């Protein structure tokens, strides 16, 4: 009889704590939906801390680039921007750049979920980004020095570093699958 009371008492205390928290802080509908969206996109499991930090940085970076380049491309397409440099590049460049960042965003989400395919989905567009201007304005009659000026070296360096940082986390990708396999044996 005493053992049953000891079991019931911690459960009762825990229920009282939960009830007190619910009455103390009402959760808004927006906060609840944001948590649900985060759970749907990122899943239940959290990656290791270094990979988590990288993912948050690149998720926010890609989202920022998607918004910026998408908006600039839209403004050029609607003739709201009258800048000679932007008009020379064209809206198509900005939309392709936005799509490449969207692919990188999807790759980072998959890496957060510890899927190795996310690394490839992230790496391919990230490697293409510095060469996009060169690829879109390719002319056979240009000199090599003129083509080299179209490669964006800062973006190239950033791309190589970001791919390298995710390569460091290669072993942690598909970690869940490995854990399941070890439990089966």
C-alpha atoms as a PDB file:
ATOM      1  CA  UNK A   1       0.000   0.000   0.000  1.00  0.00           C
ATOM      2  CA  UNK A   2       2.842   2.380   0.831  1.00  0.00           C
ATOM      3  CA  UNK A   3       4.544   1.602  -2.495  1.00  0.00           C
ATOM      4  CA  UNK A   4       1.394   2.560  -4.393  1.00  0.00           C
ATOM      5  CA  UNK A   5       1.177   5.903  -2.581  1.00  0.00           C
ATOM      6  CA  UNK A   6       4.826   6.630  -3.392  1.00  0.00           C
ATOM      7  CA  UNK A   7       4.149   5.954  -7.088  1.00  0.00           C
ATOM      8  CA  UNK A   8       1.026   8.090  -7.188  1.00  0.00           C
ATOM      9  CA  UNK A   9       2.486  11.070  -5.349  1.00  0.00           C
ATOM     10  CA  UNK A  10       5.284  11.911  -7.876  1.00  0.00           C
ATOM     11  CA  UNK A  11       2.796  11.631 -10.724  1.00  0.00           C
ATOM     12  CA  UNK A  12       0.364  13.938  -8.934  1.00  0.00           C
ATOM     13  CA  UNK A  13       3.131  16.464  -8.207  1.00  0.00           C
ATOM     14  CA  UNK A  14       4.233  16.401 -11.860  1.00  0.00           C
ATOM     15  CA  UNK A  15       0.667  16.959 -13.061  1.00  0.00           C
ATOM     16  CA  UNK A  16       0.302  19.893 -10.685  1.00  0.00           C
ATOM     17  CA  UNK A  17       3.525  21.450 -12.007  1.00  0.00           C
ATOM     18  CA  UNK A  18       2.332  21.111 -15.600  1.00  0.00           C
ATOM     19  CA  UNK A  19      -1.052  22.600 -14.742  1.00  0.00           C
ATOM     20  CA  UNK A  20       0.626  25.515 -12.946  1.00  0.00           C
ATOM     21  CA  UNK A  21       2.855  26.211 -15.968  1.00  0.00           C
ATOM     22  CA  UNK A  22      -0.131  26.152 -18.320  1.00  0.00           C
ATOM     23  CA  UNK A  23      -2.059  28.644 -16.243  1.00  0.00           C
ATOM     24  CA  UNK A  24       0.988  30.846 -15.695  1.00  0.00           C
ATOM     25  CA  UNK A  25       1.943  31.191 -19.373  1.00  0.00           C
ATOM     26  CA  UNK A  26      -0.771  30.910 -21.965  1.00  0.00           C
ATOM     27  CA  UNK A  27       0.704  29.902 -25.313  1.00  0.00           C
ATOM     28  CA  UNK A  28      -0.404  32.021 -28.208  1.00  0.00           C
ATOM     29  CA  UNK A  29      -1.675  30.469 -31.394  1.00  0.00           C
ATOM     30  CA  UNK A  30       1.189  31.992 -33.374  1.00  0.00           C
ATOM     31  CA  UNK A  31       3.835  30.546 -31.060  1.00  0.00           C
ATOM     32  CA  UNK A  32       2.171  27.146 -31.182  1.00  0.00           C
ATOM     33  CA  UNK A  33       2.024  27.194 -34.992  1.00  0.00           C
ATOM     34  CA  UNK A  34       5.655  28.317 -35.240  1.00  0.00           C
ATOM     35  CA  UNK A  35       6.692  25.422 -33.010  1.00  0.00           C
ATOM     36  CA  UNK A  36       4.672  23.048 -35.168  1.00  0.00           C
ATOM     37  CA  UNK A  37       6.265  24.433 -38.340  1.00  0.00           C
ATOM     38  CA  UNK A  38       9.731  24.077 -36.825  1.00  0.00           C
ATOM     39  CA  UNK A  39       8.934  20.498 -35.820  1.00  0.00           C
ATOM     40  CA  UNK A  40       7.629  19.641 -39.298  1.00  0.00           C
ATOM     41  CA  UNK A  41      10.626  21.151 -41.086  1.00  0.00           C
ATOM     42  CA  UNK A  42      13.431  20.156 -38.721  1.00  0.00           C
ATOM     43  CA  UNK A  43      12.007  16.953 -37.226  1.00  0.00           C
ATOM     44  CA  UNK A  44      12.228  15.604 -33.701  1.00  0.00           C
ATOM     45  CA  UNK A  45      15.917  14.761 -33.385  1.00  0.00           C
ATOM     46  CA  UNK A  46      18.565  17.400 -32.858  1.00  0.00           C
ATOM     47  CA  UNK A  47      21.970  17.053 -34.521  1.00  0.00           C
ATOM     48  CA  UNK A  48      25.248  17.524 -32.644  1.00  0.00           C
ATOM     49  CA  UNK A  49      25.885  21.056 -31.401  1.00  0.00           C
ATOM     50  CA  UNK A  50      28.450  22.035 -34.079  1.00  0.00           C
ATOM     51  CA  UNK A  51      26.225  20.810 -36.904  1.00  0.00           C
ATOM     52  CA  UNK A  52      23.217  22.504 -35.288  1.00  0.00           C
ATOM     53  CA  UNK A  53      25.083  25.825 -35.148  1.00  0.00           C
ATOM     54  CA  UNK A  54      26.171  25.523 -38.785  1.00  0.00           C
ATOM     55  CA  UNK A  55      22.656  24.627 -39.864  1.00  0.00           C
ATOM     56  CA  UNK A  56      21.090  27.591 -38.076  1.00  0.00           C
ATOM     57  CA  UNK A  57      23.629  29.945 -39.623  1.00  0.00           C
ATOM     58  CA  UNK A  58      23.146  28.620 -43.148  1.00  0.00           C
ATOM     59  CA  UNK A  59      19.368  28.338 -42.805  1.00  0.00           C
ATOM     60  CA  UNK A  60      19.169  31.995 -41.869  1.00  0.00           C
ATOM     61  CA  UNK A  61      21.742  32.992 -44.503  1.00  0.00           C
ATOM     62  CA  UNK A  62      19.957  31.137 -47.305  1.00  0.00           C
ATOM     63  CA  UNK A  63      16.580  32.482 -46.238  1.00  0.00           C
ATOM     64  CA  UNK A  64      17.977  36.018 -46.234  1.00  0.00           C
ATOM     65  CA  UNK A  65      19.482  35.517 -49.707  1.00  0.00           C
ATOM     66  CA  UNK A  66      16.242  34.009 -51.030  1.00  0.00           C
ATOM     67  CA  UNK A  67      14.273  37.023 -49.836  1.00  0.00           C
ATOM     68  CA  UNK A  68      16.818  39.593 -51.057  1.00  0.00           C
ATOM     69  CA  UNK A  69      17.614  38.154 -54.479  1.00  0.00           C
ATOM     70  CA  UNK A  70      13.987  37.209 -55.096  1.00  0.00           C
ATOM     71  CA  UNK A  71      12.883  40.758 -54.283  1.00  0.00           C
ATOM     72  CA  UNK A  72      15.586  42.336 -56.451  1.00  0.00           C
ATOM     73  CA  UNK A  73      14.731  40.022 -59.348  1.00  0.00           C
ATOM     74  CA  UNK A  74      11.061  40.875 -58.976  1.00  0.00           C
ATOM     75  CA  UNK A  75      11.799  44.602 -58.837  1.00  0.00           C
ATOM     76  CA  UNK A  76      13.958  44.386 -61.976  1.00  0.00           C
ATOM     77  CA  UNK A  77      11.289  42.352 -63.771  1.00  0.00           C
ATOM     78  CA  UNK A  78       8.604  44.936 -62.931  1.00  0.00           C
ATOM     79  CA  UNK A  79      10.948  47.824 -63.871  1.00  0.00           C
ATOM     80  CA  UNK A  80      10.773  49.294 -60.374  1.00  0.00           C
ATOM     81  CA  UNK A  81      14.586  49.484 -60.216  1.00  0.00           C
ATOM     82  CA  UNK A  82      16.353  51.605 -62.793  1.00  0.00           C
ATOM     83  CA  UNK A  83      19.961  50.757 -62.039  1.00  0.00           C
ATOM     84  CA  UNK A  84      22.239  50.176 -65.010  1.00  0.00           C
ATOM     85  CA  UNK A  85      24.275  47.469 -63.246  1.00  0.00           C
ATOM     86  CA  UNK A  86      21.200  45.493 -62.189  1.00  0.00           C
ATOM     87  CA  UNK A  87      19.539  45.843 -65.573  1.00  0.00           C
ATOM     88  CA  UNK A  88      22.713  44.649 -67.294  1.00  0.00           C
ATOM     89  CA  UNK A  89      22.743  41.487 -65.194  1.00  0.00           C
ATOM     90  CA  UNK A  90      19.017  40.945 -65.667  1.00  0.00           C
ATOM     91  CA  UNK A  91      16.264  39.486 -63.540  1.00  0.00           C
ATOM     92  CA  UNK A  92      16.995  35.959 -64.747  1.00  0.00           C
ATOM     93  CA  UNK A  93      20.310  35.959 -62.877  1.00  0.00           C
ATOM     94  CA  UNK A  94      18.621  36.939 -59.627  1.00  0.00           C
ATOM     95  CA  UNK A  95      15.898  34.310 -59.984  1.00  0.00           C
ATOM     96  CA  UNK A  96      18.440  31.565 -60.682  1.00  0.00           C
ATOM     97  CA  UNK A  97      20.508  32.761 -57.720  1.00  0.00           C
ATOM     98  CA  UNK A  98      17.355  32.576 -55.579  1.00  0.00           C
ATOM     99  CA  UNK A  99      16.629  29.029 -56.765  1.00  0.00           C
ATOM    100  CA  UNK A 100      20.178  27.922 -55.977  1.00  0.00           C
ATOM    101  CA  UNK A 101      19.876  29.315 -52.454  1.00  0.00           C
ATOM    102  CA  UNK A 102      16.509  27.562 -52.085  1.00  0.00           C
ATOM    103  CA  UNK A 103      18.223  24.274 -52.989  1.00  0.00           C
ATOM    104  CA  UNK A 104      20.955  25.024 -50.460  1.00  0.00           C
ATOM    105  CA  UNK A 105      18.247  25.709 -47.861  1.00  0.00           C
ATOM    106  CA  UNK A 106      16.647  22.321 -48.551  1.00  0.00           C
ATOM    107  CA  UNK A 107      20.067  20.674 -48.282  1.00  0.00           C
ATOM    108  CA  UNK A 108      20.697  22.264 -44.889  1.00  0.00           C
ATOM    109  CA  UNK A 109      17.284  21.128 -43.643  1.00  0.00           C
ATOM    110  CA  UNK A 110      18.130  17.579 -44.695  1.00  0.00           C
ATOM    111  CA  UNK A 111      21.514  17.811 -42.986  1.00  0.00           C
ATOM    112  CA  UNK A 112      19.730  18.970 -39.818  1.00  0.00           C
ATOM    113  CA  UNK A 113      17.725  15.767 -40.126  1.00  0.00           C
ATOM    114  CA  UNK A 114      21.085  13.929 -40.435  1.00  0.00           C
ATOM    115  CA  UNK A 115      20.623  12.834 -44.060  1.00  0.00           C
ATOM    116  CA  UNK A 116      23.728  12.557 -46.217  1.00  0.00           C
ATOM    117  CA  UNK A 117      21.801  13.493 -49.356  1.00  0.00           C
ATOM    118  CA  UNK A 118      21.419  16.948 -47.822  1.00  0.00           C
ATOM    119  CA  UNK A 119      25.182  17.425 -48.057  1.00  0.00           C
ATOM    120  CA  UNK A 120      25.084  16.823 -51.806  1.00  0.00           C
ATOM    121  CA  UNK A 121      21.986  18.986 -52.287  1.00  0.00           C
ATOM    122  CA  UNK A 122      23.756  21.782 -50.375  1.00  0.00           C
ATOM    123  CA  UNK A 123      27.185  21.385 -51.994  1.00  0.00           C
ATOM    124  CA  UNK A 124      26.192  21.451 -55.654  1.00  0.00           C
ATOM    125  CA  UNK A 125      24.386  24.832 -55.690  1.00  0.00           C
ATOM    126  CA  UNK A 126      26.876  26.292 -53.224  1.00  0.00           C
ATOM    127  CA  UNK A 127      29.709  25.391 -55.595  1.00  0.00           C
ATOM    128  CA  UNK A 128      27.834  26.812 -58.615  1.00  0.00           C
ATOM    129  CA  UNK A 129      27.020  30.195 -56.994  1.00  0.00           C
ATOM    130  CA  UNK A 130      30.453  31.860 -57.529  1.00  0.00           C
ATOM    131  CA  UNK A 131      30.485  30.846 -61.188  1.00  0.00           C
ATOM    132  CA  UNK A 132      26.879  31.762 -61.976  1.00  0.00           C
ATOM    133  CA  UNK A 133      27.658  35.152 -63.525  1.00  0.00           C
ATOM    134  CA  UNK A 134      30.385  33.569 -65.660  1.00  0.00           C
ATOM    135  CA  UNK A 135      28.061  30.767 -66.785  1.00  0.00           C
ATOM    136  CA  UNK A 136      25.235  33.133 -67.668  1.00  0.00           C
ATOM    137  CA  UNK A 137      27.439  35.536 -69.676  1.00  0.00           C
ATOM    138  CA  UNK A 138      29.719  32.980 -71.325  1.00  0.00           C
ATOM    139  CA  UNK A 139      31.282  34.154 -74.582  1.00  0.00           C
ATOM    140  CA  UNK A 140      33.834  32.147 -76.518  1.00  0.00           C
ATOM    141  CA  UNK A 141      35.538  35.247 -77.868  1.00  0.00           C
ATOM    142  CA  UNK A 142      36.428  36.763 -74.473  1.00  0.00           C
ATOM    143  CA  UNK A 143      39.945  36.592 -73.101  1.00  0.00           C
ATOM    144  CA  UNK A 144      40.635  34.439 -70.080  1.00  0.00           C
ATOM    145  CA  UNK A 145      41.281  37.516 -67.920  1.00  0.00           C
ATOM    146  CA  UNK A 146      37.843  38.907 -68.771  1.00  0.00           C
ATOM    147  CA  UNK A 147      36.254  35.585 -67.757  1.00  0.00           C
ATOM    148  CA  UNK A 148      38.243  35.490 -64.533  1.00  0.00           C
ATOM    149  CA  UNK A 149      36.850  38.898 -63.542  1.00  0.00           C
ATOM    150  CA  UNK A 150      33.345  37.421 -63.611  1.00  0.00           C
ATOM    151  CA  UNK A 151      34.172  34.820 -60.938  1.00  0.00           C
ATOM    152  CA  UNK A 152      33.211  36.183 -57.565  1.00  0.00           C
ATOM    153  CA  UNK A 153      36.190  35.295 -55.377  1.00  0.00           C
ATOM    154  CA  UNK A 154      34.616  36.212 -52.025  1.00  0.00           C
ATOM    155  CA  UNK A 155      31.626  33.994 -52.750  1.00  0.00           C
ATOM    156  CA  UNK A 156      33.989  31.266 -53.960  1.00  0.00           C
ATOM    157  CA  UNK A 157      35.958  31.411 -50.712  1.00  0.00           C
ATOM    158  CA  UNK A 158      32.750  31.436 -48.646  1.00  0.00           C
ATOM    159  CA  UNK A 159      31.436  28.446 -50.622  1.00  0.00           C
ATOM    160  CA  UNK A 160      34.584  26.394 -50.128  1.00  0.00           C
ATOM    161  CA  UNK A 161      34.667  27.162 -46.396  1.00  0.00           C
ATOM    162  CA  UNK A 162      30.989  26.311 -45.927  1.00  0.00           C
ATOM    163  CA  UNK A 163      31.276  23.011 -47.803  1.00  0.00           C
ATOM    164  CA  UNK A 164      34.395  22.225 -45.775  1.00  0.00           C
ATOM    165  CA  UNK A 165      32.632  22.931 -42.479  1.00  0.00           C
ATOM    166  CA  UNK A 166      29.806  20.576 -43.380  1.00  0.00           C
ATOM    167  CA  UNK A 167      32.352  17.984 -44.521  1.00  0.00           C
ATOM    168  CA  UNK A 168      33.753  17.985 -40.981  1.00  0.00           C
ATOM    169  CA  UNK A 169      30.329  16.739 -39.830  1.00  0.00           C
ATOM    170  CA  UNK A 170      30.187  13.926 -42.389  1.00  0.00           C
ATOM    171  CA  UNK A 171      30.352  11.215 -39.731  1.00  0.00           C
ATOM    172  CA  UNK A 172      27.377  12.580 -37.814  1.00  0.00           C
ATOM    173  CA  UNK A 173      25.098  12.388 -40.866  1.00  0.00           C
ATOM    174  CA  UNK A 174      22.860   9.285 -40.923  1.00  0.00           C
ATOM    175  CA  UNK A 175      23.688   8.792 -37.261  1.00  0.00           C
ATOM    176  CA  UNK A 176      20.146   7.629 -36.498  1.00  0.00           C
ATOM    177  CA  UNK A 177      20.332   4.829 -39.042  1.00  0.00           C
ATOM    178  CA  UNK A 178      23.599   3.606 -37.529  1.00  0.00           C
ATOM    179  CA  UNK A 179      22.110   3.608 -34.031  1.00  0.00           C
ATOM    180  CA  UNK A 180      19.129   1.556 -35.241  1.00  0.00           C
ATOM    181  CA  UNK A 181      21.427  -0.961 -36.919  1.00  0.00           C
ATOM    182  CA  UNK A 182      23.505  -1.439 -33.753  1.00  0.00           C
ATOM    183  CA  UNK A 183      20.364  -2.051 -31.679  1.00  0.00           C
ATOM    184  CA  UNK A 184      19.154  -4.743 -34.086  1.00  0.00           C
ATOM    185  CA  UNK A 185      22.384  -6.782 -33.856  1.00  0.00           C
END
